[in-house]
Amino acid sequence: MTFGQILIIIAIIWLILINLIAFAAYGMDKRKAVKGQWRIPEATLIGLALAGGPVGAYAGMKVFHHKTKHAKFTIGVPVIMAAWIAAVIFLLIHNV
């Protein structure tokens, strides 16, 4: 296995994990909001999307009906997702 193939496997594992973490974070934050408990900071939720978890963040918004009235989430997360998709397509096209 080449170094490039190892990096691709690591990247795929990272993207799967960060999306699962983002999805769980949105669910946990929604549960805490309903119970009036300590919340996950919005910067952390957006940060998870930026770190590679926009699909999990978006799914968490939809499944848990969370942060759906905040423009920084309803616009920001899809924009982040589009940027990630564009980056992955660019890398695939250019065999990076």
C-alpha atoms as a PDB file:
ATOM      1  CA  MET A   1       0.000   0.000   0.000  1.00  0.00           C
ATOM      2  CA  THR A   2       1.368   3.380  -0.980  1.00  0.00           C
ATOM      3  CA  PHE A   3       1.603   6.413   1.257  1.00  0.00           C
ATOM      4  CA  GLY A   4      -1.081   8.130  -0.826  1.00  0.00           C
ATOM      5  CA  GLN A   5      -3.478   5.216  -0.339  1.00  0.00           C
ATOM      6  CA  ILE A   6      -2.862   5.299   3.413  1.00  0.00           C
ATOM      7  CA  LEU A   7      -3.655   9.034   3.470  1.00  0.00           C
ATOM      8  CA  ILE A   8      -6.895   8.438   1.580  1.00  0.00           C
ATOM      9  CA  ILE A   9      -7.942   5.751   4.084  1.00  0.00           C
ATOM     10  CA  ILE A  10      -7.129   8.064   6.992  1.00  0.00           C
ATOM     11  CA  ALA A  11      -9.103  10.894   5.358  1.00  0.00           C
ATOM     12  CA  ILE A  12     -12.133   8.640   4.813  1.00  0.00           C
ATOM     13  CA  ILE A  13     -12.017   7.410   8.419  1.00  0.00           C
ATOM     14  CA  TRP A  14     -11.706  11.038   9.619  1.00  0.00           C
ATOM     15  CA  LEU A  15     -14.687  12.189   7.560  1.00  0.00           C
ATOM     16  CA  ILE A  16     -16.859   9.326   8.789  1.00  0.00           C
ATOM     17  CA  LEU A  17     -15.928   9.939  12.440  1.00  0.00           C
ATOM     18  CA  ILE A  18     -16.266  13.738  12.364  1.00  0.00           C
ATOM     19  CA  ASN A  19     -19.676  13.491  10.704  1.00  0.00           C
ATOM     20  CA  LEU A  20     -20.870  11.018  13.332  1.00  0.00           C
ATOM     21  CA  ILE A  21     -19.532  13.296  16.074  1.00  0.00           C
ATOM     22  CA  ALA A  22     -21.216  16.353  14.527  1.00  0.00           C
ATOM     23  CA  PHE A  23     -24.546  14.517  14.256  1.00  0.00           C
ATOM     24  CA  ALA A  24     -24.306  13.377  17.886  1.00  0.00           C
ATOM     25  CA  ALA A  25     -23.327  16.878  19.053  1.00  0.00           C
ATOM     26  CA  TYR A  26     -26.427  18.426  17.467  1.00  0.00           C
ATOM     27  CA  GLY A  27     -28.566  15.767  19.115  1.00  0.00           C
ATOM     28  CA  MET A  28     -26.932  16.276  22.508  1.00  0.00           C
ATOM     29  CA  ASP A  29     -27.264  20.057  22.265  1.00  0.00           C
ATOM     30  CA  LYS A  30     -30.948  19.779  21.382  1.00  0.00           C
ATOM     31  CA  ARG A  31     -31.548  17.470  24.341  1.00  0.00           C
ATOM     32  CA  LYS A  32     -29.724  19.864  26.650  1.00  0.00           C
ATOM     33  CA  ALA A  33     -31.706  22.816  25.263  1.00  0.00           C
ATOM     34  CA  VAL A  34     -35.012  21.069  25.989  1.00  0.00           C
ATOM     35  CA  LYS A  35     -33.868  20.260  29.538  1.00  0.00           C
ATOM     36  CA  GLY A  36     -32.501  23.767  30.167  1.00  0.00           C
ATOM     37  CA  GLN A  37     -28.997  22.436  30.785  1.00  0.00           C
ATOM     38  CA  TRP A  38     -25.492  23.557  29.807  1.00  0.00           C
ATOM     39  CA  ARG A  39     -25.215  23.865  26.016  1.00  0.00           C
ATOM     40  CA  ILE A  40     -22.575  23.118  23.433  1.00  0.00           C
ATOM     41  CA  PRO A  41     -21.254  26.469  22.148  1.00  0.00           C
ATOM     42  CA  GLU A  42     -22.433  27.462  18.668  1.00  0.00           C
ATOM     43  CA  ALA A  43     -18.798  27.941  17.642  1.00  0.00           C
ATOM     44  CA  THR A  44     -18.165  24.277  18.443  1.00  0.00           C
ATOM     45  CA  LEU A  45     -21.147  23.139  16.372  1.00  0.00           C
ATOM     46  CA  ILE A  46     -20.014  25.244  13.396  1.00  0.00           C
ATOM     47  CA  GLY A  47     -16.425  24.119  13.985  1.00  0.00           C
ATOM     48  CA  LEU A  48     -17.432  20.483  13.644  1.00  0.00           C
ATOM     49  CA  ALA A  49     -18.905  21.270  10.229  1.00  0.00           C
ATOM     50  CA  LEU A  50     -15.755  23.139   9.209  1.00  0.00           C
ATOM     51  CA  ALA A  51     -13.564  20.240  10.383  1.00  0.00           C
ATOM     52  CA  GLY A  52     -15.216  17.936   7.873  1.00  0.00           C
ATOM     53  CA  GLY A  53     -18.581  17.169   9.414  1.00  0.00           C
ATOM     54  CA  PRO A  54     -21.067  19.263   7.441  1.00  0.00           C
ATOM     55  CA  VAL A  55     -23.159  16.257   6.396  1.00  0.00           C
ATOM     56  CA  GLY A  56     -23.509  15.143  10.018  1.00  0.00           C
ATOM     57  CA  ALA A  57     -24.235  18.706  11.120  1.00  0.00           C
ATOM     58  CA  TYR A  58     -26.895  19.170   8.453  1.00  0.00           C
ATOM     59  CA  ALA A  59     -28.448  15.792   9.222  1.00  0.00           C
ATOM     60  CA  GLY A  60     -28.456  16.671  12.926  1.00  0.00           C
ATOM     61  CA  MET A  61     -30.199  19.963  12.188  1.00  0.00           C
ATOM     62  CA  LYS A  62     -32.905  18.178  10.213  1.00  0.00           C
ATOM     63  CA  VAL A  63     -33.375  15.082  12.388  1.00  0.00           C
ATOM     64  CA  PHE A  64     -33.373  16.935  15.721  1.00  0.00           C
ATOM     65  CA  HIS A  65     -35.006  20.149  14.384  1.00  0.00           C
ATOM     66  CA  HIS A  66     -32.154  22.062  15.956  1.00  0.00           C
ATOM     67  CA  LYS A  67     -30.670  25.429  14.979  1.00  0.00           C
ATOM     68  CA  THR A  68     -33.082  25.633  12.050  1.00  0.00           C
ATOM     69  CA  LYS A  69     -33.997  29.281  12.733  1.00  0.00           C
ATOM     70  CA  HIS A  70     -30.438  30.611  12.917  1.00  0.00           C
ATOM     71  CA  ALA A  71     -29.050  31.967   9.633  1.00  0.00           C
ATOM     72  CA  LYS A  72     -25.481  31.094  10.573  1.00  0.00           C
ATOM     73  CA  PHE A  73     -26.601  27.457  10.609  1.00  0.00           C
ATOM     74  CA  THR A  74     -29.284  27.349   7.900  1.00  0.00           C
ATOM     75  CA  ILE A  75     -26.985  29.159   5.472  1.00  0.00           C
ATOM     76  CA  GLY A  76     -23.568  28.433   6.955  1.00  0.00           C
ATOM     77  CA  VAL A  77     -23.735  24.649   7.191  1.00  0.00           C
ATOM     78  CA  PRO A  78     -24.920  24.169   3.576  1.00  0.00           C
ATOM     79  CA  VAL A  79     -22.205  26.586   2.373  1.00  0.00           C
ATOM     80  CA  ILE A  80     -19.599  24.641   4.327  1.00  0.00           C
ATOM     81  CA  MET A  81     -20.969  21.403   2.855  1.00  0.00           C
ATOM     82  CA  ALA A  82     -20.746  22.811  -0.671  1.00  0.00           C
ATOM     83  CA  ALA A  83     -17.141  23.868  -0.034  1.00  0.00           C
ATOM     84  CA  TRP A  84     -16.235  20.386   1.239  1.00  0.00           C
ATOM     85  CA  ILE A  85     -17.922  18.718  -1.728  1.00  0.00           C
ATOM     86  CA  ALA A  86     -16.094  21.057  -4.130  1.00  0.00           C
ATOM     87  CA  ALA A  87     -12.778  20.325  -2.429  1.00  0.00           C
ATOM     88  CA  VAL A  88     -13.281  16.558  -2.596  1.00  0.00           C
ATOM     89  CA  ILE A  89     -14.313  16.739  -6.259  1.00  0.00           C
ATOM     90  CA  PHE A  90     -11.263  18.900  -7.016  1.00  0.00           C
ATOM     91  CA  LEU A  91      -8.970  16.399  -5.303  1.00  0.00           C
ATOM     92  CA  LEU A  92     -10.542  13.465  -7.111  1.00  0.00           C
ATOM     93  CA  ILE A  93     -10.327  15.146 -10.512  1.00  0.00           C
ATOM     94  CA  HIS A  94      -6.688  16.099 -10.011  1.00  0.00           C
ATOM     95  CA  ASN A  95      -5.711  12.745  -8.451  1.00  0.00           C
ATOM     96  CA  VAL A  96      -4.287  14.426  -5.373  1.00  0.00           C
END
